[in-house]
Amino acid sequence: RILHHLKHNLESPRTAVIIVGYQAQGTLGRQLADGA
């Protein structure tokens, strides 16, 4: 379900996304953590 929330919130500069813990290479979480 997080994917749908990211779709609706990721393009707003008021949104904060907190990545908690390790993100494997190749995952969307890793892309976000790496500053995509």
Full PDB file with SEQRES, HELIX, SHEET, SSBOND, CRYST1, ORIGX, SCALE, CONECT and MASTER records, all heavy atoms in Angstrom:
SEQRES   1 A   36  ARG ILE LEU HIS HIS LEU LYS HIS ASN LEU GLU SER PRO          
SEQRES   2 A   36  ARG THR ALA VAL ILE ILE VAL GLY TYR GLN ALA GLN GLY          
SEQRES   3 A   36  THR LEU GLY ARG GLN LEU ALA ASP GLY ALA                      
HELIX    1 AA1 ILE A    2  ASN A    9  1                                   8    
HELIX    2 AA2 LEU A   28  ALA A   33  1                                   6    
CRYST1    1.000    1.000    1.000  90.00  90.00  90.00 P 1           1          
ORIGX1      1.000000  0.000000  0.000000        0.00000                         
ORIGX2      0.000000  1.000000  0.000000        0.00000                         
ORIGX3      0.000000  0.000000  1.000000        0.00000                         
SCALE1      1.000000  0.000000  0.000000        0.00000                         
SCALE2      0.000000  1.000000  0.000000        0.00000                         
SCALE3      0.000000  0.000000  1.000000        0.00000                         
ATOM      1  N   ARG A   1       0.803  -1.227   0.000  1.00  0.00           N  
ATOM      2  CA  ARG A   1       0.000   0.000   0.000  1.00  0.00           C  
ATOM      3  C   ARG A   1       0.832   1.271   0.000  1.00  0.00           C  
ATOM      4  O   ARG A   1       0.354   2.326  -0.414  1.00  0.00           O  
ATOM      5  CB  ARG A   1      -0.952  -0.012   1.203  1.00  0.00           C  
ATOM      6  CG  ARG A   1      -2.027  -1.086   1.118  1.00  0.00           C  
ATOM      7  CD  ARG A   1      -2.968  -1.020   2.312  1.00  0.00           C  
ATOM      8  NE  ARG A   1      -4.068  -1.984   2.184  1.00  0.00           N  
ATOM      9  CZ  ARG A   1      -5.064  -2.094   3.057  1.00  0.00           C  
ATOM     10  NH1 ARG A   1      -5.101  -1.307   4.122  1.00  0.00           N  
ATOM     11  NH2 ARG A   1      -6.026  -2.992   2.869  1.00  0.00           N  
ATOM     12  N   ILE A   2       2.074   1.185   0.459  1.00  0.00           N  
ATOM     13  CA  ILE A   2       2.914   2.392   0.506  1.00  0.00           C  
ATOM     14  C   ILE A   2       3.091   2.983  -0.884  1.00  0.00           C  
ATOM     15  O   ILE A   2       3.228   4.207  -1.038  1.00  0.00           O  
ATOM     16  CB  ILE A   2       4.287   2.096   1.155  1.00  0.00           C  
ATOM     17  CG1 ILE A   2       5.025   3.402   1.487  1.00  0.00           C  
ATOM     18  CG2 ILE A   2       5.143   1.209   0.257  1.00  0.00           C  
ATOM     19  CD1 ILE A   2       4.357   4.245   2.540  1.00  0.00           C  
ATOM     20  N   LEU A   3       3.051   2.142  -1.925  1.00  0.00           N  
ATOM     21  CA  LEU A   3       3.237   2.637  -3.293  1.00  0.00           C  
ATOM     22  C   LEU A   3       2.160   3.650  -3.668  1.00  0.00           C  
ATOM     23  O   LEU A   3       2.439   4.669  -4.305  1.00  0.00           O  
ATOM     24  CB  LEU A   3       3.224   1.472  -4.283  1.00  0.00           C  
ATOM     25  CG  LEU A   3       4.386   0.472  -4.172  1.00  0.00           C  
ATOM     26  CD1 LEU A   3       4.227  -0.644  -5.200  1.00  0.00           C  
ATOM     27  CD2 LEU A   3       5.720   1.183  -4.356  1.00  0.00           C  
ATOM     28  N   HIS A   4       0.922   3.391  -3.272  1.00  0.00           N  
ATOM     29  CA  HIS A   4      -0.175   4.302  -3.595  1.00  0.00           C  
ATOM     30  C   HIS A   4      -0.037   5.620  -2.835  1.00  0.00           C  
ATOM     31  O   HIS A   4      -0.334   6.691  -3.366  1.00  0.00           O  
ATOM     32  CB  HIS A   4      -1.516   3.638  -3.294  1.00  0.00           C  
ATOM     33  CG  HIS A   4      -1.763   2.413  -4.129  1.00  0.00           C  
ATOM     34  ND1 HIS A   4      -2.218   2.488  -5.424  1.00  0.00           N  
ATOM     35  CD2 HIS A   4      -1.567   1.089  -3.870  1.00  0.00           C  
ATOM     36  CE1 HIS A   4      -2.315   1.258  -5.928  1.00  0.00           C  
ATOM     37  NE2 HIS A   4      -1.929   0.404  -5.000  1.00  0.00           N  
ATOM     38  N   HIS A   5       0.433   5.544  -1.603  1.00  0.00           N  
ATOM     39  CA  HIS A   5       0.633   6.771  -0.829  1.00  0.00           C  
ATOM     40  C   HIS A   5       1.790   7.590  -1.388  1.00  0.00           C  
ATOM     41  O   HIS A   5       1.740   8.827  -1.404  1.00  0.00           O  
ATOM     42  CB  HIS A   5       0.861   6.430   0.646  1.00  0.00           C  
ATOM     43  CG  HIS A   5      -0.287   5.696   1.256  1.00  0.00           C  
ATOM     44  ND1 HIS A   5      -1.587   6.152   1.183  1.00  0.00           N  
ATOM     45  CD2 HIS A   5      -0.340   4.509   1.929  1.00  0.00           C  
ATOM     46  CE1 HIS A   5      -2.391   5.292   1.783  1.00  0.00           C  
ATOM     47  NE2 HIS A   5      -1.654   4.289   2.240  1.00  0.00           N  
ATOM     48  N   LEU A   6       2.827   6.907  -1.867  1.00  0.00           N  
ATOM     49  CA  LEU A   6       3.942   7.614  -2.496  1.00  0.00           C  
ATOM     50  C   LEU A   6       3.466   8.303  -3.776  1.00  0.00           C  
ATOM     51  O   LEU A   6       3.841   9.446  -4.056  1.00  0.00           O  
ATOM     52  CB  LEU A   6       5.086   6.641  -2.803  1.00  0.00           C  
ATOM     53  CG  LEU A   6       5.865   6.124  -1.592  1.00  0.00           C  
ATOM     54  CD1 LEU A   6       6.778   4.983  -1.992  1.00  0.00           C  
ATOM     55  CD2 LEU A   6       6.677   7.254  -0.948  1.00  0.00           C  
ATOM     56  N   LYS A   7       2.628   7.621  -4.546  1.00  0.00           N  
ATOM     57  CA  LYS A   7       2.094   8.204  -5.783  1.00  0.00           C  
ATOM     58  C   LYS A   7       1.385   9.528  -5.503  1.00  0.00           C  
ATOM     59  O   LYS A   7       1.517  10.489  -6.251  1.00  0.00           O  
ATOM     60  CB  LYS A   7       1.102   7.235  -6.450  1.00  0.00           C  
ATOM     61  CG  LYS A   7       1.725   6.136  -7.284  1.00  0.00           C  
ATOM     62  CD  LYS A   7       0.654   5.259  -7.918  1.00  0.00           C  
ATOM     63  CE  LYS A   7      -0.285   6.045  -8.802  1.00  0.00           C  
ATOM     64  NZ  LYS A   7      -1.275   5.185  -9.492  1.00  0.00           N  
ATOM     65  N   HIS A   8       0.628   9.584  -4.429  1.00  0.00           N  
ATOM     66  CA  HIS A   8      -0.184  10.764  -4.131  1.00  0.00           C  
ATOM     67  C   HIS A   8       0.560  11.838  -3.332  1.00  0.00           C  
ATOM     68  O   HIS A   8       0.052  12.963  -3.204  1.00  0.00           O  
ATOM     69  CB  HIS A   8      -1.449  10.348  -3.368  1.00  0.00           C  
ATOM     70  CG  HIS A   8      -2.472   9.673  -4.227  1.00  0.00           C  
ATOM     71  ND1 HIS A   8      -2.425   8.316  -4.520  1.00  0.00           N  
ATOM     72  CD2 HIS A   8      -3.546  10.163  -4.897  1.00  0.00           C  
ATOM     73  CE1 HIS A   8      -3.443   8.005  -5.302  1.00  0.00           C  
ATOM     74  NE2 HIS A   8      -4.139   9.095  -5.546  1.00  0.00           N  
ATOM     75  N   ASN A   9       1.724  11.513  -2.793  1.00  0.00           N  
ATOM     76  CA  ASN A   9       2.404  12.468  -1.906  1.00  0.00           C  
ATOM     77  C   ASN A   9       3.825  12.837  -2.327  1.00  0.00           C  
ATOM     78  O   ASN A   9       4.352  13.853  -1.886  1.00  0.00           O  
ATOM     79  CB  ASN A   9       2.454  11.911  -0.481  1.00  0.00           C  
ATOM     80  CG  ASN A   9       1.093  11.867   0.193  1.00  0.00           C  
ATOM     81  OD1 ASN A   9       0.652  12.836   0.806  1.00  0.00           O  
ATOM     82  ND2 ASN A   9       0.424  10.731   0.082  1.00  0.00           N  
ATOM     83  N   LEU A  10       4.440  12.016  -3.167  1.00  0.00           N  
ATOM     84  CA  LEU A  10       5.869  12.174  -3.455  1.00  0.00           C  
ATOM     85  C   LEU A  10       6.197  13.470  -4.193  1.00  0.00           C  
ATOM     86  O   LEU A  10       7.308  13.991  -4.064  1.00  0.00           O  
ATOM     87  CB  LEU A  10       6.357  10.971  -4.273  1.00  0.00           C  
ATOM     88  CG  LEU A  10       7.828  10.555  -4.155  1.00  0.00           C  
ATOM     89  CD1 LEU A  10       8.223  10.377  -2.695  1.00  0.00           C  
ATOM     90  CD2 LEU A  10       8.074   9.284  -4.935  1.00  0.00           C  
ATOM     91  N   GLU A  11       5.242  14.000  -4.956  1.00  0.00           N  
ATOM     92  CA  GLU A  11       5.513  15.207  -5.742  1.00  0.00           C  
ATOM     93  C   GLU A  11       5.180  16.490  -4.988  1.00  0.00           C  
ATOM     94  O   GLU A  11       5.250  17.576  -5.550  1.00  0.00           O  
ATOM     95  CB  GLU A  11       4.762  15.134  -7.074  1.00  0.00           C  
ATOM     96  CG  GLU A  11       5.300  14.034  -7.982  1.00  0.00           C  
ATOM     97  CD  GLU A  11       4.782  14.126  -9.402  1.00  0.00           C  
ATOM     98  OE1 GLU A  11       3.582  14.457  -9.573  1.00  0.00           O  
ATOM     99  OE2 GLU A  11       5.560  13.856 -10.341  1.00  0.00           O  
ATOM    100  N   SER A  12       4.862  16.367  -3.702  1.00  0.00           N  
ATOM    101  CA  SER A  12       4.612  17.551  -2.878  1.00  0.00           C  
ATOM    102  C   SER A  12       5.840  17.855  -2.019  1.00  0.00           C  
ATOM    103  O   SER A  12       6.311  16.989  -1.279  1.00  0.00           O  
ATOM    104  CB  SER A  12       3.406  17.329  -1.963  1.00  0.00           C  
ATOM    105  OG  SER A  12       3.327  18.365  -0.994  1.00  0.00           O  
ATOM    106  N   PRO A  13       6.359  19.076  -2.081  1.00  0.00           N  
ATOM    107  CA  PRO A  13       7.522  19.432  -1.251  1.00  0.00           C  
ATOM    108  C   PRO A  13       7.199  19.478   0.244  1.00  0.00           C  
ATOM    109  O   PRO A  13       8.105  19.552   1.073  1.00  0.00           O  
ATOM    110  CB  PRO A  13       7.921  20.820  -1.776  1.00  0.00           C  
ATOM    111  CG  PRO A  13       6.692  21.349  -2.436  1.00  0.00           C  
ATOM    112  CD  PRO A  13       5.954  20.158  -2.976  1.00  0.00           C  
ATOM    113  N   ARG A  14       5.909  19.429   0.584  1.00  0.00           N  
ATOM    114  CA  ARG A  14       5.521  19.427   2.002  1.00  0.00           C  
ATOM    115  C   ARG A  14       5.544  18.020   2.594  1.00  0.00           C  
ATOM    116  O   ARG A  14       5.446  17.854   3.799  1.00  0.00           O  
ATOM    117  CB  ARG A  14       4.114  20.015   2.164  1.00  0.00           C  
ATOM    118  CG  ARG A  14       4.010  21.473   1.717  1.00  0.00           C  
ATOM    119  CD  ARG A  14       2.801  22.140   2.332  1.00  0.00           C  
ATOM    120  NE  ARG A  14       1.583  21.385   2.111  1.00  0.00           N  
ATOM    121  CZ  ARG A  14       0.529  21.393   2.933  1.00  0.00           C  
ATOM    122  NH1 ARG A  14       0.573  22.096   4.039  1.00  0.00           N  
ATOM    123  NH2 ARG A  14      -0.554  20.691   2.658  1.00  0.00           N  
ATOM    124  N   THR A  15       5.664  17.008   1.738  1.00  0.00           N  
ATOM    125  CA  THR A  15       5.679  15.618   2.206  1.00  0.00           C  
ATOM    126  C   THR A  15       7.054  15.253   2.759  1.00  0.00           C  
ATOM    127  O   THR A  15       8.082  15.670   2.228  1.00  0.00           O  
ATOM    128  CB  THR A  15       5.341  14.655   1.042  1.00  0.00           C  
ATOM    129  OG1 THR A  15       4.028  14.935   0.576  1.00  0.00           O  
ATOM    130  CG2 THR A  15       5.427  13.204   1.496  1.00  0.00           C  
ATOM    131  N   ALA A  16       7.049  14.463   3.819  1.00  0.00           N  
ATOM    132  CA  ALA A  16       8.288  13.894   4.354  1.00  0.00           C  
ATOM    133  C   ALA A  16       8.185  12.375   4.274  1.00  0.00           C  
ATOM    134  O   ALA A  16       7.163  11.807   4.657  1.00  0.00           O  
ATOM    135  CB  ALA A  16       8.506  14.337   5.795  1.00  0.00           C  
ATOM    136  N   VAL A  17       9.207  11.747   3.750  1.00  0.00           N  
ATOM    137  CA  VAL A  17       9.278  10.288   3.710  1.00  0.00           C  
ATOM    138  C   VAL A  17      10.428   9.861   4.606  1.00  0.00           C  
ATOM    139  O   VAL A  17      11.565  10.308   4.421  1.00  0.00           O  
ATOM    140  CB  VAL A  17       9.505   9.758   2.275  1.00  0.00           C  
ATOM    141  CG1 VAL A  17       9.581   8.229   2.280  1.00  0.00           C  
ATOM    142  CG2 VAL A  17       8.401  10.229   1.340  1.00  0.00           C  
ATOM    143  N   ILE A  18      10.107   9.034   5.601  1.00  0.00           N  
ATOM    144  CA  ILE A  18      11.148   8.567   6.525  1.00  0.00           C  
ATOM    145  C   ILE A  18      11.433   7.103   6.219  1.00  0.00           C  
ATOM    146  O   ILE A  18      10.582   6.224   6.423  1.00  0.00           O  
ATOM    147  CB  ILE A  18      10.723   8.734   7.995  1.00  0.00           C  
ATOM    148  CG1 ILE A  18      10.332  10.194   8.279  1.00  0.00           C  
ATOM    149  CG2 ILE A  18      11.855   8.297   8.926  1.00  0.00           C  
ATOM    150  CD1 ILE A  18       9.838  10.436   9.694  1.00  0.00           C  
ATOM    151  N   ILE A  19      12.625   6.841   5.704  1.00  0.00           N  
ATOM    152  CA  ILE A  19      13.064   5.478   5.404  1.00  0.00           C  
ATOM    153  C   ILE A  19      13.693   4.917   6.669  1.00  0.00           C  
ATOM    154  O   ILE A  19      14.669   5.472   7.185  1.00  0.00           O  
ATOM    155  CB  ILE A  19      14.095   5.476   4.258  1.00  0.00           C  
ATOM    156  CG1 ILE A  19      13.531   6.161   3.002  1.00  0.00           C  
ATOM    157  CG2 ILE A  19      14.562   4.063   3.962  1.00  0.00           C  
ATOM    158  CD1 ILE A  19      12.453   5.406   2.298  1.00  0.00           C  
ATOM    159  N   VAL A  20      13.131   3.842   7.202  1.00  0.00           N  
ATOM    160  CA  VAL A  20      13.649   3.275   8.452  1.00  0.00           C  
ATOM    161  C   VAL A  20      14.342   1.938   8.163  1.00  0.00           C  
ATOM    162  O   VAL A  20      13.699   0.949   7.846  1.00  0.00           O  
ATOM    163  CB  VAL A  20      12.528   3.096   9.503  1.00  0.00           C  
ATOM    164  CG1 VAL A  20      12.154   4.426  10.120  1.00  0.00           C  
ATOM    165  CG2 VAL A  20      11.280   2.471   8.895  1.00  0.00           C  
ATOM    166  N   GLY A  21      15.648   1.945   8.247  1.00  0.00           N  
ATOM    167  CA  GLY A  21      16.388   0.699   8.086  1.00  0.00           C  
ATOM    168  C   GLY A  21      16.969   0.499   6.706  1.00  0.00           C  
ATOM    169  O   GLY A  21      16.840   1.338   5.807  1.00  0.00           O  
ATOM    170  N   TYR A  22      17.606  -0.628   6.546  1.00  0.00           N  
ATOM    171  CA  TYR A  22      18.333  -0.976   5.326  1.00  0.00           C  
ATOM    172  C   TYR A  22      17.405  -1.111   4.129  1.00  0.00           C  
ATOM    173  O   TYR A  22      16.286  -1.620   4.241  1.00  0.00           O  
ATOM    174  CB  TYR A  22      19.074  -2.302   5.560  1.00  0.00           C  
ATOM    175  CG  TYR A  22      19.747  -2.852   4.330  1.00  0.00           C  
ATOM    176  CD1 TYR A  22      20.948  -2.317   3.869  1.00  0.00           C  
ATOM    177  CD2 TYR A  22      19.175  -3.909   3.624  1.00  0.00           C  
ATOM    178  CE1 TYR A  22      21.556  -2.817   2.738  1.00  0.00           C  
ATOM    179  CE2 TYR A  22      19.783  -4.427   2.490  1.00  0.00           C  
ATOM    180  CZ  TYR A  22      20.977  -3.869   2.051  1.00  0.00           C  
ATOM    181  OH  TYR A  22      21.574  -4.373   0.928  1.00  0.00           O  
ATOM    182  N   GLN A  23      17.874  -0.642   2.980  1.00  0.00           N  
ATOM    183  CA  GLN A  23      17.136  -0.747   1.720  1.00  0.00           C  
ATOM    184  C   GLN A  23      17.999  -1.500   0.710  1.00  0.00           C  
ATOM    185  O   GLN A  23      19.094  -1.046   0.372  1.00  0.00           O  
ATOM    186  CB  GLN A  23      16.790   0.643   1.180  1.00  0.00           C  
ATOM    187  CG  GLN A  23      15.990   1.512   2.137  1.00  0.00           C  
ATOM    188  CD  GLN A  23      14.586   0.991   2.365  1.00  0.00           C  
ATOM    189  OE1 GLN A  23      13.805   0.823   1.446  1.00  0.00           O  
ATOM    190  NE2 GLN A  23      14.261   0.734   3.632  1.00  0.00           N  
ATOM    191  N   ALA A  24      17.519  -2.622   0.235  1.00  0.00           N  
ATOM    192  CA  ALA A  24      18.299  -3.455  -0.685  1.00  0.00           C  
ATOM    193  C   ALA A  24      18.466  -2.767  -2.030  1.00  0.00           C  
ATOM    194  O   ALA A  24      17.605  -1.997  -2.476  1.00  0.00           O  
ATOM    195  CB  ALA A  24      17.613  -4.808  -0.874  1.00  0.00           C  
ATOM    196  N   GLN A  25      19.574  -3.066  -2.687  1.00  0.00           N  
ATOM    197  CA  GLN A  25      19.817  -2.528  -4.023  1.00  0.00           C  
ATOM    198  C   GLN A  25      18.717  -2.993  -4.972  1.00  0.00           C  
ATOM    199  O   GLN A  25      18.257  -4.123  -4.903  1.00  0.00           O  
ATOM    200  CB  GLN A  25      21.182  -2.997  -4.532  1.00  0.00           C  
ATOM    201  CG  GLN A  25      22.357  -2.360  -3.812  1.00  0.00           C  
ATOM    202  CD  GLN A  25      23.694  -2.826  -4.357  1.00  0.00           C  
ATOM    203  OE1 GLN A  25      23.780  -3.845  -5.013  1.00  0.00           O  
ATOM    204  NE2 GLN A  25      24.743  -2.070  -4.086  1.00  0.00           N  
ATOM    205  N   GLY A  26      18.290  -2.075  -5.834  1.00  0.00           N  
ATOM    206  CA  GLY A  26      17.267  -2.414  -6.804  1.00  0.00           C  
ATOM    207  C   GLY A  26      15.848  -2.127  -6.345  1.00  0.00           C  
ATOM    208  O   GLY A  26      14.906  -2.266  -7.125  1.00  0.00           O  
ATOM    209  N   THR A  27      15.672  -1.736  -5.085  1.00  0.00           N  
ATOM    210  CA  THR A  27      14.325  -1.442  -4.575  1.00  0.00           C  
ATOM    211  C   THR A  27      14.036   0.053  -4.707  1.00  0.00           C  
ATOM    212  O   THR A  27      14.958   0.887  -4.773  1.00  0.00           O  
ATOM    213  CB  THR A  27      14.169  -1.846  -3.107  1.00  0.00           C  
ATOM    214  OG1 THR A  27      15.086  -1.071  -2.297  1.00  0.00           O  
ATOM    215  CG2 THR A  27      14.465  -3.336  -2.915  1.00  0.00           C  
ATOM    216  N   LEU A  28      12.755   0.398  -4.712  1.00  0.00           N  
ATOM    217  CA  LEU A  28      12.357   1.801  -4.763  1.00  0.00           C  
ATOM    218  C   LEU A  28      12.838   2.542  -3.525  1.00  0.00           C  
ATOM    219  O   LEU A  28      13.266   3.702  -3.602  1.00  0.00           O  
ATOM    220  CB  LEU A  28      10.835   1.893  -4.894  1.00  0.00           C  
ATOM    221  CG  LEU A  28      10.218   3.295  -4.844  1.00  0.00           C  
ATOM    222  CD1 LEU A  28      10.782   4.186  -5.942  1.00  0.00           C  
ATOM    223  CD2 LEU A  28       8.701   3.210  -4.931  1.00  0.00           C  
ATOM    224  N   GLY A  29      12.791   1.852  -2.377  1.00  0.00           N  
ATOM    225  CA  GLY A  29      13.272   2.464  -1.141  1.00  0.00           C  
ATOM    226  C   GLY A  29      14.728   2.886  -1.250  1.00  0.00           C  
ATOM    227  O   GLY A  29      15.118   3.954  -0.766  1.00  0.00           O  
ATOM    228  N   ARG A  30      15.546   2.037  -1.903  1.00  0.00           N  
ATOM    229  CA  ARG A  30      16.967   2.357  -2.080  1.00  0.00           C  
ATOM    230  C   ARG A  30      17.133   3.561  -3.013  1.00  0.00           C  
ATOM    231  O   ARG A  30      17.970   4.431  -2.769  1.00  0.00           O  
ATOM    232  CB  ARG A  30      17.693   1.138  -2.645  1.00  0.00           C  
ATOM    233  CG  ARG A  30      19.195   1.329  -2.856  1.00  0.00           C  
ATOM    234  CD  ARG A  30      19.922   1.650  -1.541  1.00  0.00           C  
ATOM    235  NE  ARG A  30      21.356   1.610  -1.722  1.00  0.00           N  
ATOM    236  CZ  ARG A  30      22.110   0.540  -1.465  1.00  0.00           C  
ATOM    237  NH1 ARG A  30      21.545  -0.578  -1.020  1.00  0.00           N  
ATOM    238  NH2 ARG A  30      23.399   0.564  -1.648  1.00  0.00           N  
ATOM    239  N   GLN A  31      16.328   3.622  -4.062  1.00  0.00           N  
ATOM    240  CA  GLN A  31      16.391   4.760  -4.984  1.00  0.00           C  
ATOM    241  C   GLN A  31      16.091   6.060  -4.249  1.00  0.00           C  
ATOM    242  O   GLN A  31      16.787   7.066  -4.426  1.00  0.00           O  
ATOM    243  CB  GLN A  31      15.401   4.572  -6.130  1.00  0.00           C  
ATOM    244  CG  GLN A  31      15.727   3.442  -7.089  1.00  0.00           C  
ATOM    245  CD  GLN A  31      14.634   3.286  -8.134  1.00  0.00           C  
ATOM    246  OE1 GLN A  31      14.191   4.255  -8.751  1.00  0.00           O  
ATOM    247  NE2 GLN A  31      14.165   2.062  -8.317  1.00  0.00           N  
ATOM    248  N   LEU A  32      15.044   6.040  -3.425  1.00  0.00           N  
ATOM    249  CA  LEU A  32      14.672   7.232  -2.676  1.00  0.00           C  
ATOM    250  C   LEU A  32      15.768   7.615  -1.680  1.00  0.00           C  
ATOM    251  O   LEU A  32      16.131   8.781  -1.548  1.00  0.00           O  
ATOM    252  CB  LEU A  32      13.350   7.004  -1.943  1.00  0.00           C  
ATOM    253  CG  LEU A  32      12.104   6.847  -2.826  1.00  0.00           C  
ATOM    254  CD1 LEU A  32      10.899   6.448  -1.983  1.00  0.00           C  
ATOM    255  CD2 LEU A  32      11.814   8.136  -3.589  1.00  0.00           C  
ATOM    256  N   ALA A  33      16.303   6.608  -0.977  1.00  0.00           N  
ATOM    257  CA  ALA A  33      17.357   6.862   0.012  1.00  0.00           C  
ATOM    258  C   ALA A  33      18.616   7.408  -0.648  1.00  0.00           C  
ATOM    259  O   ALA A  33      19.339   8.216  -0.049  1.00  0.00           O  
ATOM    260  CB  ALA A  33      17.674   5.573   0.773  1.00  0.00           C  
ATOM    261  N   ASP A  34      18.872   6.992  -1.885  1.00  0.00           N  
ATOM    262  CA  ASP A  34      20.068   7.445  -2.612  1.00  0.00           C  
ATOM    263  C   ASP A  34      19.862   8.793  -3.302  1.00  0.00           C  
ATOM    264  O   ASP A  34      20.751   9.283  -3.998  1.00  0.00           O  
ATOM    265  CB  ASP A  34      20.487   6.400  -3.653  1.00  0.00           C  
ATOM    266  CG  ASP A  34      21.149   5.182  -3.017  1.00  0.00           C  
ATOM    267  OD1 ASP A  34      21.496   5.249  -1.822  1.00  0.00           O  
ATOM    268  OD2 ASP A  34      21.312   4.158  -3.713  1.00  0.00           O  
ATOM    269  N   GLY A  35      18.670   9.381  -3.149  1.00  0.00           N  
ATOM    270  CA  GLY A  35      18.441  10.721  -3.666  1.00  0.00           C  
ATOM    271  C   GLY A  35      17.936  10.819  -5.091  1.00  0.00           C  
ATOM    272  O   GLY A  35      18.127  11.846  -5.757  1.00  0.00           O  
ATOM    273  N   ALA A  36      17.277   9.774  -5.575  1.00  0.00           N  
ATOM    274  CA  ALA A  36      16.740   9.802  -6.939  1.00  0.00           C  
ATOM    275  C   ALA A  36      15.757  10.960  -7.102  1.00  0.00           C  
ATOM    276  O   ALA A  36      14.948  11.229  -6.214  1.00  0.00           O  
ATOM    277  CB  ALA A  36      16.051   8.483  -7.260  1.00  0.00           C  
TER     278      ALA A  36                                                      
MASTER        0    0    0    2    0    0    0    6  277    1    0    3          
END                                                                             
